[in-house]
PDB file of N, CA and C in Angstrom:
ATOM      1  N   UNK A   1      81.396  90.281  87.515  1.00  0.00           N
ATOM      2  CA  UNK A   1      81.494  88.484  88.268  1.00  0.00           C
ATOM      3  C   UNK A   1      80.423  88.413  88.911  1.00  0.00           C
ATOM      4  N   UNK A   2      79.690  89.242  89.762  1.00  0.00           N
ATOM      5  CA  UNK A   2      78.734  88.491  90.833  1.00  0.00           C
ATOM      6  C   UNK A   2      77.774  88.061  89.578  1.00  0.00           C
ATOM      7  N   UNK A   3      77.023  88.820  88.683  1.00  0.00           N
ATOM      8  CA  UNK A   3      76.008  88.684  87.237  1.00  0.00           C
ATOM      9  C   UNK A   3      76.702  87.096  86.973  1.00  0.00           C
ATOM     10  N   UNK A   4      78.021  87.009  86.377  1.00  0.00           N
ATOM     11  CA  UNK A   4      78.435  85.779  85.814  1.00  0.00           C
ATOM     12  C   UNK A   4      77.990  84.521  86.694  1.00  0.00           C
ATOM     13  N   UNK A   5      78.273  84.639  88.153  1.00  0.00           N
ATOM     14  CA  UNK A   5      78.178  84.000  88.846  1.00  0.00           C
ATOM     15  C   UNK A   5      76.794  83.243  89.108  1.00  0.00           C
ATOM     16  N   UNK A   6      75.399  84.234  88.900  1.00  0.00           N
ATOM     17  CA  UNK A   6      74.080  84.135  89.021  1.00  0.00           C
ATOM     18  C   UNK A   6      73.967  83.298  87.815  1.00  0.00           C
ATOM     19  N   UNK A   7      74.499  83.714  86.846  1.00  0.00           N
ATOM     20  CA  UNK A   7      74.120  83.536  85.209  1.00  0.00           C
ATOM     21  C   UNK A   7      74.593  81.680  85.507  1.00  0.00           C
ATOM     22  N   UNK A   8      75.875  81.256  85.884  1.00  0.00           N
ATOM     23  CA  UNK A   8      76.408  79.975  86.047  1.00  0.00           C
ATOM     24  C   UNK A   8      75.251  79.107  86.407  1.00  0.00           C
ATOM     25  N   UNK A   9      74.995  79.832  87.857  1.00  0.00           N
ATOM     26  CA  UNK A   9      73.874  79.176  89.032  1.00  0.00           C
ATOM     27  C   UNK A   9      72.581  78.395  87.845  1.00  0.00           C
ATOM     28  N   UNK A  10      72.171  79.678  87.653  1.00  0.00           N
ATOM     29  CA  UNK A  10      70.868  79.499  86.849  1.00  0.00           C
ATOM     30  C   UNK A  10      70.917  78.452  85.423  1.00  0.00           C
ATOM     31  N   UNK A  11      72.431  78.244  85.240  1.00  0.00           N
ATOM     32  CA  UNK A  11      72.673  77.591  84.054  1.00  0.00           C
ATOM     33  C   UNK A  11      72.718  76.046  84.996  1.00  0.00           C
ATOM     34  N   UNK A  12      73.412  75.848  85.716  1.00  0.00           N
ATOM     35  CA  UNK A  12      73.098  74.676  86.449  1.00  0.00           C
ATOM     36  C   UNK A  12      71.772  74.255  86.798  1.00  0.00           C
ATOM     37  N   UNK A  13      71.126  74.955  87.178  1.00  0.00           N
ATOM     38  CA  UNK A  13      69.870  74.381  87.379  1.00  0.00           C
ATOM     39  C   UNK A  13      69.245  74.244  86.482  1.00  0.00           C
ATOM     40  N   UNK A  14      69.114  74.350  85.251  1.00  0.00           N
ATOM     41  CA  UNK A  14      68.411  73.985  84.124  1.00  0.00           C
ATOM     42  C   UNK A  14      69.198  72.601  83.543  1.00  0.00           C
ATOM     43  N   UNK A  15      70.294  72.304  84.120  1.00  0.00           N
ATOM     44  CA  UNK A  15      70.913  71.192  83.205  1.00  0.00           C
ATOM     45  C   UNK A  15      70.013  69.681  84.257  1.00  0.00           C
ATOM     46  N   UNK A  16      70.379  68.919  83.563  1.00  0.00           N
ATOM     47  CA  UNK A  16      69.976  67.445  84.126  1.00  0.00           C
ATOM     48  C   UNK A  16      71.039  66.984  85.197  1.00  0.00           C
ATOM     49  N   UNK A  17      71.003  66.184  86.104  1.00  0.00           N
ATOM     50  CA  UNK A  17      71.713  65.783  87.071  1.00  0.00           C
ATOM     51  C   UNK A  17      73.244  65.012  86.524  1.00  0.00           C
ATOM     52  N   UNK A  18      72.867  64.205  85.376  1.00  0.00           N
ATOM     53  CA  UNK A  18      74.116  63.321  84.992  1.00  0.00           C
ATOM     54  C   UNK A  18      74.526  63.656  83.927  1.00  0.00           C
ATOM     55  N   UNK A  19      74.043  65.191  83.598  1.00  0.00           N
ATOM     56  CA  UNK A  19      74.655  65.989  82.022  1.00  0.00           C
ATOM     57  C   UNK A  19      76.215  66.580  82.424  1.00  0.00           C
ATOM     58  N   UNK A  20      77.031  66.276  81.684  1.00  0.00           N
ATOM     59  CA  UNK A  20      78.389  66.696  81.459  1.00  0.00           C
ATOM     60  C   UNK A  20      78.357  67.987  82.027  1.00  0.00           C
ATOM     61  N   UNK A  21      77.643  69.110  81.482  1.00  0.00           N
ATOM     62  CA  UNK A  21      77.942  70.261  81.718  1.00  0.00           C
ATOM     63  C   UNK A  21      77.767  71.130  83.182  1.00  0.00           C
ATOM     64  N   UNK A  22      77.226  69.917  84.072  1.00  0.00           N
ATOM     65  CA  UNK A  22      76.729  70.403  85.218  1.00  0.00           C
ATOM     66  C   UNK A  22      78.302  70.193  86.110  1.00  0.00           C
ATOM     67  N   UNK A  23      78.968  69.472  85.819  1.00  0.00           N
ATOM     68  CA  UNK A  23      80.444  69.476  86.095  1.00  0.00           C
ATOM     69  C   UNK A  23      81.245  70.584  86.088  1.00  0.00           C
ATOM     70  N   UNK A  24      81.208  71.086  84.786  1.00  0.00           N
ATOM     71  CA  UNK A  24      81.628  72.120  84.017  1.00  0.00           C
ATOM     72  C   UNK A  24      81.521  73.265  84.593  1.00  0.00           C
ATOM     73  N   UNK A  25      80.049  73.371  84.898  1.00  0.00           N
ATOM     74  CA  UNK A  25      79.089  74.830  85.508  1.00  0.00           C
ATOM     75  C   UNK A  25      79.793  74.696  86.865  1.00  0.00           C
ATOM     76  N   UNK A  26      79.888  73.865  87.755  1.00  0.00           N
ATOM     77  CA  UNK A  26      80.404  73.565  88.524  1.00  0.00           C
ATOM     78  C   UNK A  26      81.822  73.932  89.113  1.00  0.00           C
ATOM     79  N   UNK A  27      82.462  73.843  88.261  1.00  0.00           N
ATOM     80  CA  UNK A  27      84.074  74.096  88.529  1.00  0.00           C
ATOM     81  C   UNK A  27      84.093  75.633  87.753  1.00  0.00           C
ATOM     82  N   UNK A  28      83.607  75.799  86.917  1.00  0.00           N
ATOM     83  CA  UNK A  28      83.483  77.590  86.443  1.00  0.00           C
ATOM     84  C   UNK A  28      82.542  78.202  87.794  1.00  0.00           C
ATOM     85  N   UNK A  29      81.820  77.942  88.442  1.00  0.00           N
ATOM     86  CA  UNK A  29      81.407  78.644  89.891  1.00  0.00           C
ATOM     87  C   UNK A  29      82.103  78.386  90.561  1.00  0.00           C
ATOM     88  N   UNK A  30      82.767  77.894  91.018  1.00  0.00           N
ATOM     89  CA  UNK A  30      84.004  77.901  92.133  1.00  0.00           C
ATOM     90  C   UNK A  30      84.925  78.399  91.749  1.00  0.00           C
ATOM     91  N   UNK A  31      85.619  78.509  90.428  1.00  0.00           N
ATOM     92  CA  UNK A  31      86.588  79.551  89.947  1.00  0.00           C
ATOM     93  C   UNK A  31      85.882  81.428  90.036  1.00  0.00           C
ATOM     94  N   UNK A  32      84.955  81.184  89.593  1.00  0.00           N
ATOM     95  CA  UNK A  32      84.501  82.856  89.740  1.00  0.00           C
ATOM     96  C   UNK A  32      84.153  82.832  91.136  1.00  0.00           C
ATOM     97  N   UNK A  33      83.876  82.181  92.051  1.00  0.00           N
ATOM     98  CA  UNK A  33      83.774  82.719  93.653  1.00  0.00           C
ATOM     99  C   UNK A  33      85.121  82.574  94.074  1.00  0.00           C
ATOM    100  N   UNK A  34      86.300  81.818  93.813  1.00  0.00           N
ATOM    101  CA  UNK A  34      87.544  82.031  94.361  1.00  0.00           C
ATOM    102  C   UNK A  34      88.417  83.447  93.604  1.00  0.00           C
ATOM    103  N   UNK A  35      88.010  83.649  92.618  1.00  0.00           N
ATOM    104  CA  UNK A  35      88.359  85.010  92.081  1.00  0.00           C
ATOM    105  C   UNK A  35      87.726  86.280  93.089  1.00  0.00           C
ATOM    106  N   UNK A  36      86.232  86.064  93.539  1.00  0.00           N
ATOM    107  CA  UNK A  36      85.789  87.135  93.833  1.00  0.00           C
ATOM    108  C   UNK A  36      86.377  87.201  95.276  1.00  0.00           C
ATOM    109  N   UNK A  37      86.658  86.178  95.906  1.00  0.00           N
ATOM    110  CA  UNK A  37      86.782  86.157  97.413  1.00  0.00           C
ATOM    111  C   UNK A  37      88.447  86.494  97.395  1.00  0.00           C
ATOM    112  N   UNK A  38      89.689  86.355  96.280  1.00  0.00           N
ATOM    113  CA  UNK A  38      90.607  86.441  96.308  1.00  0.00           C
ATOM    114  C   UNK A  38      90.766  88.041  96.323  1.00  0.00           C
ATOM    115  N   UNK A  39      90.037  88.959  95.119  1.00  0.00           N
ATOM    116  CA  UNK A  39      89.827  90.055  94.970  1.00  0.00           C
ATOM    117  C   UNK A  39      89.243  90.988  96.471  1.00  0.00           C
ATOM    118  N   UNK A  40      88.486  90.338  96.986  1.00  0.00           N
ATOM    119  CA  UNK A  40      87.985  90.833  98.193  1.00  0.00           C
ATOM    120  C   UNK A  40      88.972  90.677  99.508  1.00  0.00           C
ATOM    121  N   UNK A  41      89.844  89.752  99.621  1.00  0.00           N
ATOM    122  CA  UNK A  41      91.183  89.914 100.347  1.00  0.00           C
ATOM    123  C   UNK A  41      91.820  90.597 100.266  1.00  0.00           C
ATOM    124  N   UNK A  42      92.811  90.813  99.045  1.00  0.00           N
ATOM    125  CA  UNK A  42      93.474  91.712  98.425  1.00  0.00           C
ATOM    126  C   UNK A  42      92.986  93.380  98.693  1.00  0.00           C
ATOM    127  N   UNK A  43      91.688  93.741  98.520  1.00  0.00           N
ATOM    128  CA  UNK A  43      91.263  94.869  99.113  1.00  0.00           C
ATOM    129  C   UNK A  43      90.956  95.050 100.483  1.00  0.00           C
ATOM    130  N   UNK A  44      90.789  94.218 101.203  1.00  0.00           N
ATOM    131  CA  UNK A  44      90.921  94.293 102.655  1.00  0.00           C
ATOM    132  C   UNK A  44      92.405  94.292 103.057  1.00  0.00           C
ATOM    133  N   UNK A  45      93.156  93.635 102.482  1.00  0.00           N
ATOM    134  CA  UNK A  45      94.551  93.795 103.078  1.00  0.00           C
ATOM    135  C   UNK A  45      95.041  94.890 102.792  1.00  0.00           C
ATOM    136  N   UNK A  46      94.873  95.874 101.585  1.00  0.00           N
ATOM    137  CA  UNK A  46      95.417  97.212 100.989  1.00  0.00           C
ATOM    138  C   UNK A  46      94.583  98.322 102.051  1.00  0.00           C
ATOM    139  N   UNK A  47      93.366  98.021 102.029  1.00  0.00           N
ATOM    140  CA  UNK A  47      93.003  98.685 103.408  1.00  0.00           C
ATOM    141  C   UNK A  47      93.644  99.067 104.911  1.00  0.00           C
ATOM    142  N   UNK A  48      93.886  97.642 105.222  1.00  0.00           N
ATOM    143  CA  UNK A  48      94.502  97.709 106.417  1.00  0.00           C
ATOM    144  C   UNK A  48      95.883  98.187 106.640  1.00  0.00           C
ATOM    145  N   UNK A  49      96.442  97.831 105.408  1.00  0.00           N
ATOM    146  CA  UNK A  49      97.983  97.956 105.183  1.00  0.00           C
ATOM    147  C   UNK A  49      98.194  99.525 104.860  1.00  0.00           C
ATOM    148  N   UNK A  50      97.048 100.535 104.757  1.00  0.00           N
ATOM    149  CA  UNK A  50      97.214 101.825 104.533  1.00  0.00           C
ATOM    150  C   UNK A  50      95.610 102.369 104.723  1.00  0.00           C
ATOM    151  N   UNK A  51      95.505 102.179 106.087  1.00  0.00           N
ATOM    152  CA  UNK A  51      94.411 102.668 106.440  1.00  0.00           C
ATOM    153  C   UNK A  51      94.348 104.064 106.620  1.00  0.00           C
ATOM    154  N   UNK A  52      95.548 104.802 107.031  1.00  0.00           N
ATOM    155  CA  UNK A  52      95.675 106.090 107.962  1.00  0.00           C
ATOM    156  C   UNK A  52      95.849 107.102 106.465  1.00  0.00           C
ATOM    157  N   UNK A  53      96.786 106.507 105.581  1.00  0.00           N
ATOM    158  CA  UNK A  53      97.042 107.161 104.294  1.00  0.00           C
ATOM    159  C   UNK A  53      95.471 107.499 103.300  1.00  0.00           C
ATOM    160  N   UNK A  54      94.712 106.256 103.514  1.00  0.00           N
ATOM    161  CA  UNK A  54      93.453 106.539 102.645  1.00  0.00           C
ATOM    162  C   UNK A  54      92.846 107.126 103.410  1.00  0.00           C
ATOM    163  N   UNK A  55      92.655 107.379 104.821  1.00  0.00           N
ATOM    164  CA  UNK A  55      91.628 108.165 105.326  1.00  0.00           C
ATOM    165  C   UNK A  55      92.179 109.555 105.310  1.00  0.00           C
ATOM    166  N   UNK A  56      93.506 109.952 105.200  1.00  0.00           N
ATOM    167  CA  UNK A  56      94.003 111.259 105.058  1.00  0.00           C
ATOM    168  C   UNK A  56      93.698 111.447 103.697  1.00  0.00           C
ATOM    169  N   UNK A  57      93.605 110.924 102.597  1.00  0.00           N
ATOM    170  CA  UNK A  57      93.719 110.982 101.172  1.00  0.00           C
ATOM    171  C   UNK A  57      91.987 111.216 100.987  1.00  0.00           C
ATOM    172  N   UNK A  58      91.291 110.526 101.560  1.00  0.00           N
ATOM    173  CA  UNK A  58      89.988 110.752 101.330  1.00  0.00           C
ATOM    174  C   UNK A  58      89.203 112.003 102.161  1.00  0.00           C
ATOM    175  N   UNK A  59      90.011 112.499 103.262  1.00  0.00           N
ATOM    176  CA  UNK A  59      89.255 113.633 103.967  1.00  0.00           C
ATOM    177  C   UNK A  59      89.738 114.965 103.139  1.00  0.00           C
ATOM    178  N   UNK A  60      90.590 114.649 102.128  1.00  0.00           N
ATOM    179  CA  UNK A  60      91.171 115.991 101.325  1.00  0.00           C
ATOM    180  C   UNK A  60      90.110 115.930  99.896  1.00  0.00           C
ATOM    181  N   UNK A  61      89.467 114.860  99.759  1.00  0.00           N
ATOM    182  CA  UNK A  61      88.746 114.846  98.409  1.00  0.00           C
ATOM    183  C   UNK A  61      87.052 115.853  98.843  1.00  0.00           C
ATOM    184  N   UNK A  62      87.207 116.764  98.174  1.00  0.00           N
ATOM    185  CA  UNK A  62      85.924 117.349  97.978  1.00  0.00           C
ATOM    186  C   UNK A  62      84.568 116.695  96.998  1.00  0.00           C
ATOM    187  N   UNK A  63      85.177 116.241  95.843  1.00  0.00           N
ATOM    188  CA  UNK A  63      84.149 115.569  94.928  1.00  0.00           C
ATOM    189  C   UNK A  63      84.072 113.935  94.982  1.00  0.00           C
ATOM    190  N   UNK A  64      82.557 113.689  95.460  1.00  0.00           N
ATOM    191  CA  UNK A  64      82.959 112.173  95.625  1.00  0.00           C
ATOM    192  C   UNK A  64      83.007 111.640  94.517  1.00  0.00           C
ATOM    193  N   UNK A  65      83.445 112.265  93.085  1.00  0.00           N
ATOM    194  CA  UNK A  65      83.492 111.150  91.835  1.00  0.00           C
ATOM    195  C   UNK A  65      85.293 110.977  91.896  1.00  0.00           C
ATOM    196  N   UNK A  66      86.122 111.489  92.557  1.00  0.00           N
ATOM    197  CA  UNK A  66      87.448 111.531  92.336  1.00  0.00           C
ATOM    198  C   UNK A  66      87.538 110.631  93.944  1.00  0.00           C
ATOM    199  N   UNK A  67      86.880 109.960  94.333  1.00  0.00           N
ATOM    200  CA  UNK A  67      87.229 108.599  95.641  1.00  0.00           C
ATOM    201  C   UNK A  67      87.483 107.746  94.928  1.00  0.00           C
ATOM    202  N   UNK A  68      88.949 107.451  95.941  1.00  0.00           N
ATOM    203  CA  UNK A  68      89.632 105.978  95.327  1.00  0.00           C
ATOM    204  C   UNK A  68      88.712 104.903  95.989  1.00  0.00           C
ATOM    205  N   UNK A  69      88.206 105.006  96.955  1.00  0.00           N
ATOM    206  CA  UNK A  69      87.377 103.778  97.491  1.00  0.00           C
ATOM    207  C   UNK A  69      86.398 104.174  97.615  1.00  0.00           C
ATOM    208  N   UNK A  70      85.385 103.121  97.727  1.00  0.00           N
ATOM    209  CA  UNK A  70      83.736 102.792  97.622  1.00  0.00           C
ATOM    210  C   UNK A  70      82.944 103.340  99.409  1.00  0.00           C
ATOM    211  N   UNK A  71      82.039 103.938  99.524  1.00  0.00           N
ATOM    212  CA  UNK A  71      81.643 104.406 100.823  1.00  0.00           C
ATOM    213  C   UNK A  71      81.923 103.330 101.747  1.00  0.00           C
ATOM    214  N   UNK A  72      81.474 101.893 101.425  1.00  0.00           N
ATOM    215  CA  UNK A  72      81.980 101.064 102.201  1.00  0.00           C
ATOM    216  C   UNK A  72      83.137 100.620 102.629  1.00  0.00           C
ATOM    217  N   UNK A  73      83.956 100.637 101.923  1.00  0.00           N
ATOM    218  CA  UNK A  73      85.324 100.855 102.045  1.00  0.00           C
ATOM    219  C   UNK A  73      85.953 102.039 102.855  1.00  0.00           C
ATOM    220  N   UNK A  74      85.408 102.869 102.699  1.00  0.00           N
ATOM    221  CA  UNK A  74      85.805 103.695 103.707  1.00  0.00           C
ATOM    222  C   UNK A  74      84.940 103.399 104.840  1.00  0.00           C
ATOM    223  N   UNK A  75      84.219 102.930 104.834  1.00  0.00           N
ATOM    224  CA  UNK A  75      83.365 102.749 106.556  1.00  0.00           C
ATOM    225  C   UNK A  75      84.042 101.776 107.139  1.00  0.00           C
ATOM    226  N   UNK A  76      84.582 100.804 106.427  1.00  0.00           N
ATOM    227  CA  UNK A  76      85.324  99.754 106.813  1.00  0.00           C
ATOM    228  C   UNK A  76      86.958 100.502 107.712  1.00  0.00           C
ATOM    229  N   UNK A  77      87.505 101.246 106.720  1.00  0.00           N
ATOM    230  CA  UNK A  77      88.752 101.635 106.924  1.00  0.00           C
ATOM    231  C   UNK A  77      88.745 102.622 108.579  1.00  0.00           C
ATOM    232  N   UNK A  78      87.380 103.477 108.308  1.00  0.00           N
ATOM    233  CA  UNK A  78      87.307 104.150 109.698  1.00  0.00           C
ATOM    234  C   UNK A  78      87.180 103.134 110.892  1.00  0.00           C
ATOM    235  N   UNK A  79      86.347 102.269 110.727  1.00  0.00           N
ATOM    236  CA  UNK A  79      86.216 101.214 112.097  1.00  0.00           C
ATOM    237  C   UNK A  79      87.202 100.895 112.353  1.00  0.00           C
ATOM    238  N   UNK A  80      88.128  99.925 111.116  1.00  0.00           N
ATOM    239  CA  UNK A  80      89.496  99.353 111.439  1.00  0.00           C
ATOM    240  C   UNK A  80      90.687 100.199 111.993  1.00  0.00           C
ATOM    241  N   UNK A  81      90.275 101.597 111.914  1.00  0.00           N
ATOM    242  CA  UNK A  81      90.853 102.518 112.197  1.00  0.00           C
ATOM    243  C   UNK A  81      90.916 102.814 113.810  1.00  0.00           C
ATOM    244  N   UNK A  82      89.495 102.839 114.146  1.00  0.00           N
ATOM    245  CA  UNK A  82      88.952 103.126 115.318  1.00  0.00           C
ATOM    246  C   UNK A  82      89.302 102.307 116.474  1.00  0.00           C
ATOM    247  N   UNK A  83      89.080 100.667 115.542  1.00  0.00           N
ATOM    248  CA  UNK A  83      89.435  99.480 116.439  1.00  0.00           C
ATOM    249  C   UNK A  83      90.930  99.175 116.947  1.00  0.00           C
ATOM    250  N   UNK A  84      91.647  99.646 115.929  1.00  0.00           N
ATOM    251  CA  UNK A  84      92.972  99.586 116.001  1.00  0.00           C
ATOM    252  C   UNK A  84      93.570 100.614 117.149  1.00  0.00           C
ATOM    253  N   UNK A  85      93.361 102.163 117.221  1.00  0.00           N
ATOM    254  CA  UNK A  85      93.344 102.938 118.443  1.00  0.00           C
ATOM    255  C   UNK A  85      92.927 102.247 119.377  1.00  0.00           C
ATOM    256  N   UNK A  86      91.517 102.136 119.402  1.00  0.00           N
ATOM    257  CA  UNK A  86      91.176 101.194 120.989  1.00  0.00           C
ATOM    258  C   UNK A  86      92.085 100.194 121.451  1.00  0.00           C
ATOM    259  N   UNK A  87      92.518  99.299 120.370  1.00  0.00           N
ATOM    260  CA  UNK A  87      93.374  98.218 121.072  1.00  0.00           C
ATOM    261  C   UNK A  87      94.616  98.397 121.750  1.00  0.00           C
ATOM    262  N   UNK A  88      95.097  99.670 120.716  1.00  0.00           N
ATOM    263  CA  UNK A  88      96.449 100.275 121.361  1.00  0.00           C
ATOM    264  C   UNK A  88      96.439 100.810 122.741  1.00  0.00           C
ATOM    265  N   UNK A  89      95.251 101.669 122.959  1.00  0.00           N
ATOM    266  CA  UNK A  89      94.793 102.340 123.848  1.00  0.00           C
ATOM    267  C   UNK A  89      94.745 101.178 125.077  1.00  0.00           C
ATOM    268  N   UNK A  90      93.857 100.304 124.816  1.00  0.00           N
ATOM    269  CA  UNK A  90      93.862  99.388 125.914  1.00  0.00           C
ATOM    270  C   UNK A  90      94.942  98.412 126.124  1.00  0.00           C
ATOM    271  N   UNK A  91      95.761  98.076 125.275  1.00  0.00           N
ATOM    272  CA  UNK A  91      96.607  97.078 125.626  1.00  0.00           C
ATOM    273  C   UNK A  91      98.173  98.210 126.004  1.00  0.00           C
ATOM    274  N   UNK A  92      98.434  99.028 125.106  1.00  0.00           N
ATOM    275  CA  UNK A  92      99.782  99.307 125.733  1.00  0.00           C
ATOM    276  C   UNK A  92      99.786 101.154 126.274  1.00  0.00           C
ATOM    277  N   UNK A  93      99.075 102.063 125.768  1.00  0.00           N
ATOM    278  CA  UNK A  93      99.055 103.122 125.739  1.00  0.00           C
ATOM    279  C   UNK A  93      98.849 103.555 127.490  1.00  0.00           C
ATOM    280  N   UNK A  94      97.677 102.813 127.999  1.00  0.00           N
ATOM    281  CA  UNK A  94      96.805 103.161 129.354  1.00  0.00           C
ATOM    282  C   UNK A  94      97.917 102.905 130.502  1.00  0.00           C
ATOM    283  N   UNK A  95      99.122 101.957 130.396  1.00  0.00           N
ATOM    284  CA  UNK A  95      99.944 101.851 131.109  1.00  0.00           C
ATOM    285  C   UNK A  95     101.554 102.107 131.201  1.00  0.00           C
ATOM    286  N   UNK A  96     101.408 103.295 130.272  1.00  0.00           N
ATOM    287  CA  UNK A  96     102.634 104.364 130.015  1.00  0.00           C
ATOM    288  C   UNK A  96     102.836 105.645 130.500  1.00  0.00           C
ATOM    289  N   UNK A  97     103.621 106.213 130.498  1.00  0.00           N
ATOM    290  CA  UNK A  97     103.474 107.854 131.069  1.00  0.00           C
ATOM    291  C   UNK A  97     102.386 108.821 130.593  1.00  0.00           C
ATOM    292  N   UNK A  98     101.770 109.683 131.115  1.00  0.00           N
ATOM    293  CA  UNK A  98     101.138 110.529 130.644  1.00  0.00           C
ATOM    294  C   UNK A  98     101.434 111.091 129.299  1.00  0.00           C
ATOM    295  N   UNK A  99     103.002 111.525 129.269  1.00  0.00           N
ATOM    296  CA  UNK A  99     103.283 112.250 128.361  1.00  0.00           C
ATOM    297  C   UNK A  99     103.677 111.727 126.784  1.00  0.00           C
ATOM    298  N   UNK A 100     103.752 110.498 127.124  1.00  0.00           N
ATOM    299  CA  UNK A 100     103.694 109.438 126.098  1.00  0.00           C
ATOM    300  C   UNK A 100     102.452 108.818 125.484  1.00  0.00           C
ATOM    301  N   UNK A 101     101.184 109.000 126.201  1.00  0.00           N
ATOM    302  CA  UNK A 101     100.248 108.459 126.134  1.00  0.00           C
ATOM    303  C   UNK A 101      99.308 108.837 124.657  1.00  0.00           C
ATOM    304  N   UNK A 102      99.779 110.081 123.950  1.00  0.00           N
ATOM    305  CA  UNK A 102      99.391 110.433 122.902  1.00  0.00           C
ATOM    306  C   UNK A 102      99.361 109.547 121.614  1.00  0.00           C
ATOM    307  N   UNK A 103      98.369 109.283 121.260  1.00  0.00           N
ATOM    308  CA  UNK A 103      98.386 108.244 119.904  1.00  0.00           C
ATOM    309  C   UNK A 103      98.015 109.110 118.767  1.00  0.00           C
ATOM    310  N   UNK A 104      99.367 108.686 117.956  1.00  0.00           N
ATOM    311  CA  UNK A 104      99.181 109.606 116.828  1.00  0.00           C
ATOM    312  C   UNK A 104      99.219 108.822 115.442  1.00  0.00           C
ATOM    313  N   UNK A 105      98.180 108.296 114.947  1.00  0.00           N
ATOM    314  CA  UNK A 105      97.834 107.498 113.946  1.00  0.00           C
ATOM    315  C   UNK A 105      98.611 107.733 112.337  1.00  0.00           C
ATOM    316  N   UNK A 106      98.784 108.869 112.402  1.00  0.00           N
ATOM    317  CA  UNK A 106      99.672 109.287 111.127  1.00  0.00           C
ATOM    318  C   UNK A 106     100.897 109.135 110.987  1.00  0.00           C
ATOM    319  N   UNK A 107     101.440 109.174 112.116  1.00  0.00           N
ATOM    320  CA  UNK A 107     102.873 108.511 112.263  1.00  0.00           C
ATOM    321  C   UNK A 107     103.391 106.898 112.260  1.00  0.00           C
ATOM    322  N   UNK A 108     102.169 106.347 112.934  1.00  0.00           N
ATOM    323  CA  UNK A 108     102.323 105.066 112.582  1.00  0.00           C
ATOM    324  C   UNK A 108     102.001 104.240 111.558  1.00  0.00           C
ATOM    325  N   UNK A 109     101.219 104.967 110.539  1.00  0.00           N
ATOM    326  CA  UNK A 109     100.842 104.384 109.458  1.00  0.00           C
ATOM    327  C   UNK A 109     101.691 104.373 108.148  1.00  0.00           C
ATOM    328  N   UNK A 110     101.893 103.139 107.827  1.00  0.00           N
ATOM    329  CA  UNK A 110     102.681 102.934 106.289  1.00  0.00           C
ATOM    330  C   UNK A 110     101.888 104.227 105.157  1.00  0.00           C
ATOM    331  N   UNK A 111     102.692 104.450 104.214  1.00  0.00           N
ATOM    332  CA  UNK A 111     102.020 105.470 103.420  1.00  0.00           C
ATOM    333  C   UNK A 111     102.463 104.921 102.345  1.00  0.00           C
ATOM    334  N   UNK A 112     101.923 104.669 100.880  1.00  0.00           N
ATOM    335  CA  UNK A 112     101.936 103.872  99.527  1.00  0.00           C
ATOM    336  C   UNK A 112     102.928 105.000  99.238  1.00  0.00           C
ATOM    337  N   UNK A 113     103.482 104.698  98.128  1.00  0.00           N
ATOM    338  CA  UNK A 113     104.276 105.423  97.498  1.00  0.00           C
ATOM    339  C   UNK A 113     104.040 105.685  95.714  1.00  0.00           C
ATOM    340  N   UNK A 114     103.296 106.906  95.667  1.00  0.00           N
ATOM    341  CA  UNK A 114     102.944 106.943  94.848  1.00  0.00           C
ATOM    342  C   UNK A 114     103.487 107.382  93.328  1.00  0.00           C
ATOM    343  N   UNK A 115     104.669 107.781  93.693  1.00  0.00           N
ATOM    344  CA  UNK A 115     105.529 108.005  92.896  1.00  0.00           C
ATOM    345  C   UNK A 115     106.445 106.834  92.076  1.00  0.00           C
ATOM    346  N   UNK A 116     106.255 105.477  92.884  1.00  0.00           N
ATOM    347  CA  UNK A 116     106.844 104.489  92.442  1.00  0.00           C
ATOM    348  C   UNK A 116     106.236 103.909  90.766  1.00  0.00           C
ATOM    349  N   UNK A 117     107.108 103.426  90.166  1.00  0.00           N
ATOM    350  CA  UNK A 117     106.298 102.634  88.672  1.00  0.00           C
ATOM    351  C   UNK A 117     106.482 101.234  89.085  1.00  0.00           C
ATOM    352  N   UNK A 118     105.154 100.877  88.162  1.00  0.00           N
ATOM    353  CA  UNK A 118     104.115 100.171  88.128  1.00  0.00           C
ATOM    354  C   UNK A 118     104.655  99.302  87.086  1.00  0.00           C
ATOM    355  N   UNK A 119     104.746  98.090  87.209  1.00  0.00           N
ATOM    356  CA  UNK A 119     105.355  96.960  85.850  1.00  0.00           C
ATOM    357  C   UNK A 119     104.099  95.933  86.036  1.00  0.00           C
ATOM    358  N   UNK A 120     103.861  95.594  84.711  1.00  0.00           N
ATOM    359  CA  UNK A 120     102.613  94.283  84.253  1.00  0.00           C
ATOM    360  C   UNK A 120     103.368  93.425  83.568  1.00  0.00           C
ATOM    361  N   UNK A 121     103.454  92.112  83.783  1.00  0.00           N
ATOM    362  CA  UNK A 121     103.877  91.229  83.116  1.00  0.00           C
ATOM    363  C   UNK A 121     102.539  90.155  82.832  1.00  0.00           C
ATOM    364  N   UNK A 122     102.593  89.887  81.367  1.00  0.00           N
ATOM    365  CA  UNK A 122     101.641  89.032  80.999  1.00  0.00           C
ATOM    366  C   UNK A 122     102.206  87.958  80.603  1.00  0.00           C
TER     367      UNK A 122
END
C-alpha cells in the first residue's frame, strides 16, 4: 500500500495543474492514506486490547518465523504493558494494603477466543 501511495504521488507530480487526472489522483491518495491509517488504528487497538495474551503467546514462541506480530508491534506491546502497570501502580496500588499490592497482569488482561468461528461476509 505504501508503494502504491508513492506511485500515486509521483503520478500526481507528473500531471499538469489543471488536468482532470490531478483530482482523481488526489482522491486515490486520500483513499489509500485512509486505508493505511485505519489498518494501523485497528492493529493498535487489538494490541492494546490483548496485550498480555499476545505477550504470553510470544514468550512461548521459539522460532521467529512463527511469530504472530512484528518486532515493532512486540516492542509496542511491551512498552504499553509497562506503562499500564506503572499507571496502576502510581494511581491505585500504592494506596492499598501491602497484601493486595501485587500486580498480576495475566489475571487482568483479556484473552482472545482462539476457538471461536470466524465468518466473512462479502
